[in-house]
Amino acid sequence: MPRKLKVYCTSIGFFELAVAAPSMKAAAEAWGSVPDIFKRGFAKQTDEPNVVAAAMASPGVVLRRPVGSHANFSEHAALPKLPAGRRKVSAPRPEPPDHKKNSSAKLDDTATGEAAQRKEQKREALARKQEEAKRERVKKERDRMIATANTAFEEARTRHNGAIAALTQRRDALQRDEAREKERWIAEQLQHETL
């Protein structure tokens, strides 16, 4: 049976993001983030009707809208617009081609790509480390429970052995009493027969 979907929201860059997912972890993965984004308060579950309706219409798809707007969420939202009255900055004039600059730009692109790759590797290493720590905590808890169960079992075995020893002593005492009673009875029978 598939898990029930919930709608989660966060804000990344110029956009608010929403996704319908079965868990916080699944939502964080859809956004390309780590699950502790919820613990740090940067993401939350929402029940706003218009957000829920849009996200439930496309489960698992990350929907966007410009930050601070009340526009509808969509898969391909436009960037936010400047507020009215703000001066637009004109685009710089194109410069003539410069081979040195082009090679520098390529190096910058390569460096940016390498930095992003290192960042992703660090994120994956952190995720692996967290998963390993979680497995270690589960193993320690399981070992503690096994040790507790073994201690309780040993205590029960000691009680059982003590009870068996006490019963054995009582049985031996009863057997001795029975033997004495048989001897007494035989002696009494002999005495009676000699009368």
N, C-alpha and C. Protein backbone atom coordinates (compact mmCIF):
# COMPACT_ATOMS: atom_id res chain seq x y z
N MET A 1 0.84 -1.19 0.00
CA MET A 1 0.00 0.00 0.00
C MET A 1 0.89 1.24 0.00
N PRO A 2 0.73 2.14 -0.99
CA PRO A 2 1.59 3.33 -1.05
C PRO A 2 1.36 4.25 0.14
N ARG A 3 2.43 4.93 0.56
CA ARG A 3 2.33 5.84 1.70
C ARG A 3 1.57 7.10 1.31
N LYS A 4 0.89 7.69 2.28
CA LYS A 4 0.12 8.90 2.06
C LYS A 4 1.07 10.06 1.78
N LEU A 5 0.73 10.88 0.80
CA LEU A 5 1.57 12.02 0.45
C LEU A 5 1.24 13.22 1.33
N LYS A 6 2.28 14.00 1.64
CA LYS A 6 2.12 15.25 2.36
C LYS A 6 2.82 16.32 1.53
N VAL A 7 2.46 17.57 1.76
CA VAL A 7 3.04 18.67 0.97
C VAL A 7 4.02 19.43 1.85
N TYR A 8 5.23 19.63 1.32
CA TYR A 8 6.30 20.30 2.04
C TYR A 8 6.76 21.53 1.25
N CYS A 9 7.18 22.59 1.96
CA CYS A 9 7.62 23.84 1.34
C CYS A 9 8.98 24.25 1.89
N THR A 10 9.75 24.95 1.04
CA THR A 10 11.00 25.57 1.46
C THR A 10 11.26 26.75 0.55
N SER A 11 12.32 27.49 0.83
CA SER A 11 12.71 28.63 0.01
C SER A 11 14.18 28.49 -0.31
N ILE A 12 14.49 28.43 -1.62
CA ILE A 12 15.87 28.28 -2.05
C ILE A 12 16.13 29.29 -3.16
N GLY A 13 17.10 30.15 -2.96
CA GLY A 13 17.42 31.16 -3.97
C GLY A 13 16.28 32.14 -4.15
N PHE A 14 15.87 32.35 -5.41
CA PHE A 14 14.81 33.30 -5.73
C PHE A 14 13.42 32.66 -5.67
N PHE A 15 13.34 31.37 -5.33
CA PHE A 15 12.07 30.66 -5.43
C PHE A 15 11.63 30.02 -4.12
N GLU A 16 10.31 29.94 -3.95
CA GLU A 16 9.72 29.08 -2.95
C GLU A 16 9.43 27.77 -3.66
N LEU A 17 9.76 26.64 -3.00
CA LEU A 17 9.55 25.33 -3.61
C LEU A 17 8.50 24.56 -2.83
N ALA A 18 7.74 23.74 -3.55
CA ALA A 18 6.74 22.88 -2.91
C ALA A 18 6.79 21.53 -3.60
N VAL A 19 6.56 20.46 -2.83
CA VAL A 19 6.54 19.12 -3.41
C VAL A 19 5.62 18.24 -2.57
N ALA A 20 4.90 17.35 -3.24
CA ALA A 20 4.09 16.34 -2.56
C ALA A 20 4.93 15.08 -2.48
N ALA A 21 5.25 14.65 -1.26
CA ALA A 21 6.14 13.50 -1.07
C ALA A 21 5.66 12.69 0.13
N PRO A 22 6.08 11.42 0.22
CA PRO A 22 5.64 10.59 1.35
C PRO A 22 6.34 10.91 2.66
N SER A 23 7.49 11.62 2.62
CA SER A 23 8.22 11.90 3.86
C SER A 23 9.08 13.15 3.70
N MET A 24 9.57 13.66 4.82
CA MET A 24 10.45 14.82 4.80
C MET A 24 11.74 14.48 4.05
N LYS A 25 12.22 13.27 4.26
CA LYS A 25 13.46 12.84 3.59
C LYS A 25 13.27 12.84 2.08
N ALA A 26 12.13 12.32 1.61
CA ALA A 26 11.86 12.29 0.17
C ALA A 26 11.75 13.70 -0.38
N ALA A 27 11.12 14.62 0.38
CA ALA A 27 11.01 16.01 -0.06
C ALA A 27 12.38 16.66 -0.17
N ALA A 28 13.23 16.45 0.84
CA ALA A 28 14.57 17.03 0.82
C ALA A 28 15.37 16.50 -0.37
N GLU A 29 15.23 15.20 -0.66
CA GLU A 29 15.93 14.63 -1.81
C GLU A 29 15.43 15.24 -3.12
N ALA A 30 14.13 15.46 -3.21
CA ALA A 30 13.56 16.06 -4.42
C ALA A 30 14.13 17.47 -4.65
N TRP A 31 14.37 18.21 -3.55
CA TRP A 31 14.92 19.56 -3.65
C TRP A 31 16.43 19.55 -3.82
N GLY A 32 17.08 18.37 -3.65
CA GLY A 32 18.53 18.29 -3.73
C GLY A 32 19.18 18.80 -2.46
N SER A 33 18.48 18.63 -1.33
CA SER A 33 18.97 19.12 -0.05
C SER A 33 19.14 17.94 0.91
N VAL A 34 19.63 18.23 2.12
CA VAL A 34 19.78 17.20 3.13
C VAL A 34 18.55 17.21 4.03
N PRO A 35 18.17 16.03 4.62
CA PRO A 35 16.94 15.96 5.41
C PRO A 35 16.91 16.89 6.62
N ASP A 36 18.07 17.31 7.15
CA ASP A 36 18.02 18.16 8.34
C ASP A 36 17.61 19.60 8.02
N ILE A 37 17.25 19.87 6.77
CA ILE A 37 16.70 21.17 6.40
C ILE A 37 15.43 21.45 7.21
N PHE A 38 14.72 20.37 7.59
CA PHE A 38 13.50 20.52 8.41
C PHE A 38 13.87 20.81 9.86
N LYS A 39 14.88 20.10 10.39
CA LYS A 39 15.30 20.32 11.77
C LYS A 39 15.81 21.74 11.97
N ARG A 40 16.47 22.29 10.95
CA ARG A 40 17.03 23.64 11.06
C ARG A 40 15.98 24.71 10.81
N GLY A 41 14.77 24.32 10.48
CA GLY A 41 13.68 25.28 10.32
C GLY A 41 13.61 25.94 8.96
N PHE A 42 14.32 25.42 7.95
CA PHE A 42 14.31 26.02 6.62
C PHE A 42 13.23 25.41 5.73
N ALA A 43 12.55 24.38 6.20
CA ALA A 43 11.48 23.74 5.43
C ALA A 43 10.41 23.28 6.41
N LYS A 44 9.18 23.10 5.89
CA LYS A 44 8.09 22.68 6.76
C LYS A 44 7.00 21.99 5.93
N GLN A 45 6.12 21.30 6.65
CA GLN A 45 4.93 20.74 6.01
C GLN A 45 3.89 21.85 5.95
N THR A 46 3.10 21.89 4.88
CA THR A 46 2.09 22.94 4.75
C THR A 46 0.73 22.33 4.48
N ASP A 47 -0.30 23.07 4.88
CA ASP A 47 -1.67 22.64 4.58
C ASP A 47 -2.45 23.77 3.91
N GLU A 48 -1.71 24.75 3.32
CA GLU A 48 -2.38 25.82 2.57
C GLU A 48 -3.10 25.19 1.38
N PRO A 49 -4.40 25.44 1.24
CA PRO A 49 -5.20 24.74 0.22
C PRO A 49 -4.66 24.90 -1.21
N ASN A 50 -4.26 26.12 -1.61
CA ASN A 50 -3.81 26.31 -2.99
C ASN A 50 -2.48 25.61 -3.24
N VAL A 51 -1.59 25.58 -2.23
CA VAL A 51 -0.30 24.90 -2.37
C VAL A 51 -0.52 23.40 -2.42
N VAL A 52 -1.37 22.89 -1.52
CA VAL A 52 -1.65 21.45 -1.47
C VAL A 52 -2.27 20.99 -2.79
N ALA A 53 -3.23 21.77 -3.31
CA ALA A 53 -3.89 21.38 -4.56
C ALA A 53 -2.89 21.30 -5.71
N ALA A 54 -2.01 22.31 -5.81
CA ALA A 54 -1.02 22.33 -6.91
C ALA A 54 -0.05 21.16 -6.77
N ALA A 55 0.45 20.91 -5.55
CA ALA A 55 1.45 19.85 -5.35
C ALA A 55 0.84 18.47 -5.55
N MET A 56 -0.38 18.27 -5.06
CA MET A 56 -1.03 16.95 -5.19
C MET A 56 -1.38 16.63 -6.64
N ALA A 57 -1.52 17.68 -7.46
CA ALA A 57 -1.81 17.45 -8.88
C ALA A 57 -0.59 16.87 -9.60
N SER A 58 0.62 17.11 -9.06
CA SER A 58 1.86 16.58 -9.66
C SER A 58 2.73 16.00 -8.56
N PRO A 59 2.39 14.83 -7.99
CA PRO A 59 3.17 14.26 -6.88
C PRO A 59 4.62 14.02 -7.29
N GLY A 60 5.53 14.37 -6.40
CA GLY A 60 6.95 14.13 -6.64
C GLY A 60 7.63 15.18 -7.49
N VAL A 61 6.86 16.08 -8.12
CA VAL A 61 7.43 17.13 -8.98
C VAL A 61 7.64 18.38 -8.15
N VAL A 62 8.86 18.95 -8.25
CA VAL A 62 9.16 20.18 -7.50
C VAL A 62 8.52 21.36 -8.22
N LEU A 63 7.63 22.06 -7.51
CA LEU A 63 6.95 23.23 -8.07
C LEU A 63 7.58 24.49 -7.49
N ARG A 64 7.55 25.60 -8.28
CA ARG A 64 8.21 26.85 -7.86
C ARG A 64 7.26 28.03 -8.01
N ARG A 65 7.58 29.08 -7.25
CA ARG A 65 7.01 30.40 -7.46
C ARG A 65 8.02 31.40 -6.92
N PRO A 66 8.03 32.63 -7.45
CA PRO A 66 8.99 33.62 -6.97
C PRO A 66 8.82 33.88 -5.47
N VAL A 67 9.93 34.07 -4.79
CA VAL A 67 9.91 34.34 -3.35
C VAL A 67 9.10 35.60 -3.07
N GLY A 68 8.25 35.55 -2.05
CA GLY A 68 7.48 36.72 -1.63
C GLY A 68 6.25 36.99 -2.45
N SER A 69 6.01 36.21 -3.49
CA SER A 69 4.82 36.45 -4.32
C SER A 69 3.69 35.53 -3.85
N HIS A 70 2.50 35.80 -4.34
CA HIS A 70 1.37 34.93 -4.06
C HIS A 70 0.91 34.23 -5.34
N ALA A 71 1.83 34.14 -6.30
CA ALA A 71 1.52 33.48 -7.57
C ALA A 71 1.30 31.99 -7.31
N ASN A 72 0.68 31.34 -8.28
CA ASN A 72 0.48 29.90 -8.18
C ASN A 72 1.81 29.19 -8.39
N PHE A 73 1.95 28.05 -7.73
CA PHE A 73 3.14 27.22 -7.92
C PHE A 73 3.05 26.55 -9.29
N SER A 74 4.19 26.47 -9.99
CA SER A 74 4.23 25.76 -11.26
C SER A 74 5.61 25.14 -11.42
N GLU A 75 5.68 24.23 -12.38
CA GLU A 75 6.96 23.53 -12.59
C GLU A 75 8.02 24.47 -13.16
N HIS A 76 7.63 25.42 -13.99
CA HIS A 76 8.58 26.35 -14.61
C HIS A 76 8.15 27.78 -14.30
N ALA A 77 8.52 28.27 -13.12
CA ALA A 77 8.14 29.63 -12.72
C ALA A 77 9.18 30.62 -13.21
N ALA A 78 8.72 31.84 -13.50
CA ALA A 78 9.62 32.91 -13.95
C ALA A 78 10.30 33.52 -12.74
N LEU A 79 11.45 34.16 -12.98
CA LEU A 79 12.16 34.84 -11.90
C LEU A 79 11.31 35.99 -11.37
N PRO A 80 11.51 36.38 -10.12
CA PRO A 80 10.74 37.51 -9.57
C PRO A 80 11.04 38.79 -10.33
N LYS A 81 10.04 39.67 -10.41
CA LYS A 81 10.21 40.95 -11.11
C LYS A 81 10.61 42.01 -10.11
N LEU A 82 11.34 43.05 -10.60
CA LEU A 82 11.71 44.17 -9.74
C LEU A 82 10.46 44.94 -9.35
N PRO A 83 10.40 45.46 -8.14
CA PRO A 83 9.25 46.28 -7.75
C PRO A 83 9.18 47.53 -8.62
N ALA A 84 7.95 48.05 -8.81
CA ALA A 84 7.77 49.25 -9.64
C ALA A 84 8.56 50.41 -9.05
N GLY A 85 9.15 51.24 -9.91
CA GLY A 85 9.91 52.39 -9.45
C GLY A 85 11.39 52.11 -9.27
N ARG A 86 11.78 50.85 -9.32
CA ARG A 86 13.21 50.53 -9.18
C ARG A 86 13.88 50.69 -10.53
N ARG A 87 15.08 51.28 -10.53
CA ARG A 87 15.82 51.53 -11.77
C ARG A 87 16.43 50.22 -12.26
N LYS A 88 16.22 49.92 -13.52
CA LYS A 88 16.82 48.72 -14.09
C LYS A 88 18.26 49.02 -14.46
N VAL A 89 19.11 48.06 -14.24
CA VAL A 89 20.52 48.21 -14.60
C VAL A 89 20.67 47.74 -16.03
N SER A 90 21.26 48.61 -16.84
CA SER A 90 21.42 48.22 -18.24
C SER A 90 22.51 47.17 -18.36
N ALA A 91 22.35 46.33 -19.34
CA ALA A 91 23.32 45.25 -19.56
C ALA A 91 24.63 45.85 -20.06
N PRO A 92 25.76 45.31 -19.64
CA PRO A 92 27.04 45.84 -20.12
C PRO A 92 27.19 45.60 -21.61
N ARG A 93 27.94 46.50 -22.25
CA ARG A 93 28.19 46.33 -23.68
C ARG A 93 29.08 45.12 -23.92
N PRO A 94 28.79 44.40 -24.99
CA PRO A 94 29.65 43.25 -25.27
C PRO A 94 31.06 43.71 -25.64
N GLU A 95 32.04 43.02 -25.12
CA GLU A 95 33.44 43.35 -25.41
C GLU A 95 33.90 42.53 -26.59
N PRO A 96 34.90 43.01 -27.27
CA PRO A 96 35.42 42.22 -28.37
C PRO A 96 36.02 40.93 -27.84
N PRO A 97 36.02 39.90 -28.66
CA PRO A 97 36.54 38.61 -28.19
C PRO A 97 38.00 38.73 -27.76
N ASP A 98 38.28 38.14 -26.65
CA ASP A 98 39.64 38.14 -26.12
C ASP A 98 39.98 36.69 -25.78
N HIS A 99 40.90 36.13 -26.51
CA HIS A 99 41.22 34.71 -26.35
C HIS A 99 41.72 34.41 -24.95
N LYS A 100 42.50 35.35 -24.36
CA LYS A 100 42.99 35.12 -23.00
C LYS A 100 41.82 35.09 -22.02
N LYS A 101 40.85 36.02 -22.23
CA LYS A 101 39.70 36.10 -21.35
C LYS A 101 38.84 34.83 -21.48
N ASN A 102 38.69 34.35 -22.75
CA ASN A 102 37.91 33.14 -22.98
C ASN A 102 38.52 31.95 -22.27
N SER A 103 39.85 31.83 -22.34
CA SER A 103 40.49 30.71 -21.68
C SER A 103 40.34 30.86 -20.17
N SER A 104 40.39 32.13 -19.68
CA SER A 104 40.20 32.38 -18.25
C SER A 104 38.78 31.99 -17.84
N ALA A 105 37.78 32.32 -18.69
CA ALA A 105 36.39 31.96 -18.40
C ALA A 105 36.24 30.44 -18.35
N LYS A 106 36.92 29.75 -19.30
CA LYS A 106 36.85 28.29 -19.29
C LYS A 106 37.44 27.73 -18.00
N LEU A 107 38.57 28.33 -17.56
CA LEU A 107 39.18 27.89 -16.32
C LEU A 107 38.24 28.14 -15.14
N ASP A 108 37.56 29.33 -15.17
CA ASP A 108 36.61 29.64 -14.10
C ASP A 108 35.47 28.62 -14.08
N ASP A 109 34.96 28.28 -15.31
CA ASP A 109 33.89 27.28 -15.39
C ASP A 109 34.36 25.95 -14.85
N THR A 110 35.60 25.59 -15.20
CA THR A 110 36.16 24.32 -14.71
C THR A 110 36.29 24.35 -13.20
N ALA A 111 36.78 25.47 -12.66
CA ALA A 111 36.95 25.60 -11.20
C ALA A 111 35.59 25.54 -10.51
N THR A 112 34.59 26.21 -11.11
CA THR A 112 33.25 26.19 -10.53
C THR A 112 32.70 24.76 -10.53
N GLY A 113 32.91 24.06 -11.64
CA GLY A 113 32.45 22.67 -11.73
C GLY A 113 33.15 21.79 -10.71
N GLU A 114 34.46 22.00 -10.54
CA GLU A 114 35.20 21.21 -9.57
C GLU A 114 34.74 21.53 -8.15
N ALA A 115 34.47 22.81 -7.89
CA ALA A 115 34.00 23.20 -6.55
C ALA A 115 32.64 22.55 -6.27
N ALA A 116 31.77 22.57 -7.28
CA ALA A 116 30.46 21.94 -7.11
C ALA A 116 30.61 20.44 -6.87
N GLN A 117 31.55 19.83 -7.60
CA GLN A 117 31.78 18.39 -7.44
C GLN A 117 32.32 18.09 -6.04
N ARG A 118 33.26 18.94 -5.56
CA ARG A 118 33.79 18.74 -4.21
C ARG A 118 32.70 18.91 -3.17
N LYS A 119 31.85 19.91 -3.40
CA LYS A 119 30.73 20.15 -2.46
C LYS A 119 29.80 18.93 -2.43
N GLU A 120 29.50 18.39 -3.60
CA GLU A 120 28.63 17.21 -3.68
C GLU A 120 29.29 16.01 -3.00
N GLN A 121 30.61 15.86 -3.20
CA GLN A 121 31.32 14.75 -2.55
C GLN A 121 31.28 14.90 -1.04
N LYS A 122 31.46 16.14 -0.55
CA LYS A 122 31.39 16.39 0.89
C LYS A 122 29.99 16.06 1.42
N ARG A 123 28.97 16.48 0.65
CA ARG A 123 27.59 16.20 1.07
C ARG A 123 27.34 14.69 1.14
N GLU A 124 27.82 13.96 0.13
CA GLU A 124 27.64 12.51 0.11
C GLU A 124 28.41 11.86 1.26
N ALA A 125 29.64 12.36 1.52
CA ALA A 125 30.44 11.80 2.62
C ALA A 125 29.74 12.05 3.95
N LEU A 126 29.17 13.25 4.12
CA LEU A 126 28.44 13.56 5.35
C LEU A 126 27.22 12.65 5.50
N ALA A 127 26.50 12.44 4.39
CA ALA A 127 25.32 11.56 4.43
C ALA A 127 25.74 10.14 4.80
N ARG A 128 26.86 9.66 4.21
CA ARG A 128 27.35 8.31 4.54
C ARG A 128 27.74 8.23 6.01
N LYS A 129 28.41 9.29 6.50
CA LYS A 129 28.84 9.32 7.90
C LYS A 129 27.64 9.29 8.83
N GLN A 130 26.60 10.08 8.49
CA GLN A 130 25.39 10.10 9.32
C GLN A 130 24.70 8.73 9.31
N GLU A 131 24.65 8.10 8.14
CA GLU A 131 24.03 6.78 8.03
C GLU A 131 24.81 5.75 8.84
N GLU A 132 26.15 5.83 8.76
CA GLU A 132 27.00 4.91 9.52
C GLU A 132 26.80 5.12 11.03
N ALA A 133 26.71 6.39 11.46
CA ALA A 133 26.48 6.69 12.88
C ALA A 133 25.13 6.14 13.32
N LYS A 134 24.13 6.27 12.45
CA LYS A 134 22.80 5.74 12.78
C LYS A 134 22.85 4.22 12.94
N ARG A 135 23.55 3.54 11.99
CA ARG A 135 23.68 2.08 12.08
C ARG A 135 24.40 1.69 13.37
N GLU A 136 25.43 2.46 13.74
CA GLU A 136 26.19 2.17 14.95
C GLU A 136 25.31 2.33 16.19
N ARG A 137 24.47 3.40 16.20
CA ARG A 137 23.55 3.59 17.34
C ARG A 137 22.57 2.43 17.44
N VAL A 138 22.04 1.99 16.30
CA VAL A 138 21.08 0.88 16.29
C VAL A 138 21.76 -0.39 16.80
N LYS A 139 23.01 -0.63 16.36
CA LYS A 139 23.76 -1.83 16.78
C LYS A 139 24.02 -1.79 18.29
N LYS A 140 24.43 -0.62 18.81
CA LYS A 140 24.68 -0.50 20.25
C LYS A 140 23.41 -0.75 21.04
N GLU A 141 22.30 -0.21 20.56
CA GLU A 141 21.02 -0.41 21.26
C GLU A 141 20.63 -1.88 21.24
N ARG A 142 20.84 -2.56 20.09
CA ARG A 142 20.52 -3.98 19.99
C ARG A 142 21.42 -4.79 20.94
N ASP A 143 22.73 -4.47 20.96
CA ASP A 143 23.66 -5.17 21.86
C ASP A 143 23.26 -4.96 23.32
N ARG A 144 22.84 -3.72 23.67
CA ARG A 144 22.42 -3.44 25.04
C ARG A 144 21.19 -4.27 25.41
N MET A 145 20.23 -4.37 24.47
CA MET A 145 19.01 -5.15 24.73
C MET A 145 19.34 -6.64 24.89
N ILE A 146 20.27 -7.14 24.06
CA ILE A 146 20.67 -8.55 24.16
C ILE A 146 21.35 -8.80 25.50
N ALA A 147 22.24 -7.87 25.92
CA ALA A 147 22.94 -8.03 27.20
C ALA A 147 21.93 -8.03 28.36
N THR A 148 20.93 -7.14 28.30
CA THR A 148 19.90 -7.09 29.35
C THR A 148 19.11 -8.40 29.39
N ALA A 149 18.75 -8.91 28.21
CA ALA A 149 18.00 -10.16 28.13
C ALA A 149 18.84 -11.32 28.67
N ASN A 150 20.14 -11.36 28.33
CA ASN A 150 21.02 -12.42 28.81
C ASN A 150 21.16 -12.37 30.33
N THR A 151 21.28 -11.16 30.90
CA THR A 151 21.39 -11.02 32.36
C THR A 151 20.12 -11.53 33.04
N ALA A 152 18.96 -11.16 32.49
CA ALA A 152 17.68 -11.61 33.06
C ALA A 152 17.58 -13.14 32.98
N PHE A 153 18.04 -13.72 31.86
CA PHE A 153 17.98 -15.18 31.69
C PHE A 153 18.90 -15.87 32.70
N GLU A 154 20.10 -15.33 32.91
CA GLU A 154 21.04 -15.93 33.87
C GLU A 154 20.47 -15.86 35.28
N GLU A 155 19.81 -14.75 35.63
CA GLU A 155 19.18 -14.64 36.95
C GLU A 155 18.08 -15.69 37.10
N ALA A 156 17.28 -15.89 36.03
CA ALA A 156 16.21 -16.89 36.07
C ALA A 156 16.81 -18.29 36.20
N ARG A 157 17.93 -18.56 35.50
CA ARG A 157 18.57 -19.87 35.58
C ARG A 157 19.07 -20.12 37.02
N THR A 158 19.65 -19.08 37.65
CA THR A 158 20.13 -19.22 39.03
C THR A 158 18.98 -19.53 39.98
N ARG A 159 17.85 -18.82 39.80
CA ARG A 159 16.67 -19.10 40.63
C ARG A 159 16.18 -20.54 40.43
N HIS A 160 16.15 -20.98 39.17
CA HIS A 160 15.70 -22.34 38.86
C HIS A 160 16.61 -23.37 39.51
N ASN A 161 17.93 -23.18 39.36
CA ASN A 161 18.88 -24.14 39.94
C ASN A 161 18.74 -24.18 41.45
N GLY A 162 18.52 -23.02 42.10
CA GLY A 162 18.32 -22.98 43.55
C GLY A 162 17.06 -23.74 43.96
N ALA A 163 15.97 -23.55 43.18
CA ALA A 163 14.72 -24.25 43.49
C ALA A 163 14.89 -25.76 43.34
N ILE A 164 15.59 -26.18 42.29
CA ILE A 164 15.83 -27.62 42.07
C ILE A 164 16.66 -28.19 43.21
N ALA A 165 17.68 -27.46 43.65
CA ALA A 165 18.53 -27.93 44.75
C ALA A 165 17.71 -28.09 46.02
N ALA A 166 16.82 -27.11 46.31
CA ALA A 166 15.98 -27.18 47.51
C ALA A 166 15.03 -28.38 47.43
N LEU A 167 14.45 -28.59 46.24
CA LEU A 167 13.54 -29.74 46.07
C LEU A 167 14.29 -31.05 46.22
N THR A 168 15.51 -31.13 45.73
CA THR A 168 16.31 -32.35 45.85
C THR A 168 16.60 -32.64 47.31
N GLN A 169 16.94 -31.60 48.10
CA GLN A 169 17.18 -31.80 49.53
C GLN A 169 15.93 -32.30 50.24
N ARG A 170 14.79 -31.71 49.89
CA ARG A 170 13.54 -32.14 50.52
C ARG A 170 13.22 -33.59 50.15
N ARG A 171 13.46 -33.95 48.85
CA ARG A 171 13.19 -35.32 48.41
C ARG A 171 14.08 -36.31 49.17
N ASP A 172 15.38 -35.96 49.32
CA ASP A 172 16.30 -36.84 50.05
C ASP A 172 15.85 -37.00 51.50
N ALA A 173 15.41 -35.89 52.10
CA ALA A 173 14.94 -35.96 53.49
C ALA A 173 13.70 -36.84 53.60
N LEU A 174 12.78 -36.69 52.63
CA LEU A 174 11.57 -37.53 52.64
C LEU A 174 11.92 -39.00 52.45
N GLN A 175 12.90 -39.28 51.58
CA GLN A 175 13.31 -40.67 51.37
C GLN A 175 13.91 -41.27 52.66
N ARG A 176 14.70 -40.46 53.38
CA ARG A 176 15.26 -40.95 54.65
C ARG A 176 14.15 -41.20 55.66
N ASP A 177 13.18 -40.24 55.71
CA ASP A 177 12.05 -40.41 56.64
C ASP A 177 11.25 -41.66 56.28
N GLU A 178 11.08 -41.88 54.97
CA GLU A 178 10.33 -43.07 54.53
C GLU A 178 11.06 -44.34 54.94
N ALA A 179 12.38 -44.36 54.75
CA ALA A 179 13.17 -45.55 55.11
C ALA A 179 13.08 -45.82 56.62
N ARG A 180 13.18 -44.75 57.45
CA ARG A 180 13.06 -44.91 58.91
C ARG A 180 11.68 -45.46 59.30
N GLU A 181 10.63 -44.90 58.61
CA GLU A 181 9.27 -45.35 58.92
C GLU A 181 9.10 -46.83 58.56
N LYS A 182 9.69 -47.26 57.43
CA LYS A 182 9.59 -48.67 57.03
C LYS A 182 10.29 -49.56 58.07
N GLU A 183 11.45 -49.15 58.53
CA GLU A 183 12.18 -49.93 59.54
C GLU A 183 11.37 -50.01 60.83
N ARG A 184 10.79 -48.87 61.25
CA ARG A 184 9.99 -48.87 62.46
C ARG A 184 8.80 -49.81 62.33
N TRP A 185 8.15 -49.77 61.17
CA TRP A 185 6.97 -50.60 60.94
C TRP A 185 7.33 -52.08 60.95
N ILE A 186 8.45 -52.41 60.34
CA ILE A 186 8.89 -53.81 60.33
C ILE A 186 9.16 -54.26 61.77
N ALA A 187 9.83 -53.40 62.52
CA ALA A 187 10.13 -53.74 63.92
C ALA A 187 8.83 -53.91 64.71
N GLU A 188 7.87 -53.05 64.49
CA GLU A 188 6.60 -53.14 65.21
C GLU A 188 5.84 -54.40 64.83
N GLN A 189 5.91 -54.78 63.52
CA GLN A 189 5.24 -56.01 63.08
C GLN A 189 5.89 -57.23 63.75
N LEU A 190 7.21 -57.23 63.81
CA LEU A 190 7.91 -58.37 64.43
C LEU A 190 7.54 -58.47 65.91
N GLN A 191 7.50 -57.32 66.56
CA GLN A 191 7.15 -57.30 67.98
C GLN A 191 5.72 -57.82 68.17
N HIS A 192 4.81 -57.47 67.29
CA HIS A 192 3.44 -57.89 67.40
C HIS A 192 3.32 -59.40 67.18
N GLU A 193 4.11 -59.91 66.24
CA GLU A 193 4.03 -61.34 65.92
C GLU A 193 4.59 -62.19 67.06
N THR A 194 5.52 -61.64 67.80
CA THR A 194 6.11 -62.43 68.89
C THR A 194 5.23 -62.48 70.12
N LEU A 195 4.17 -61.73 70.18
CA LEU A 195 3.26 -61.75 71.33
C LEU A 195 2.38 -62.96 71.34
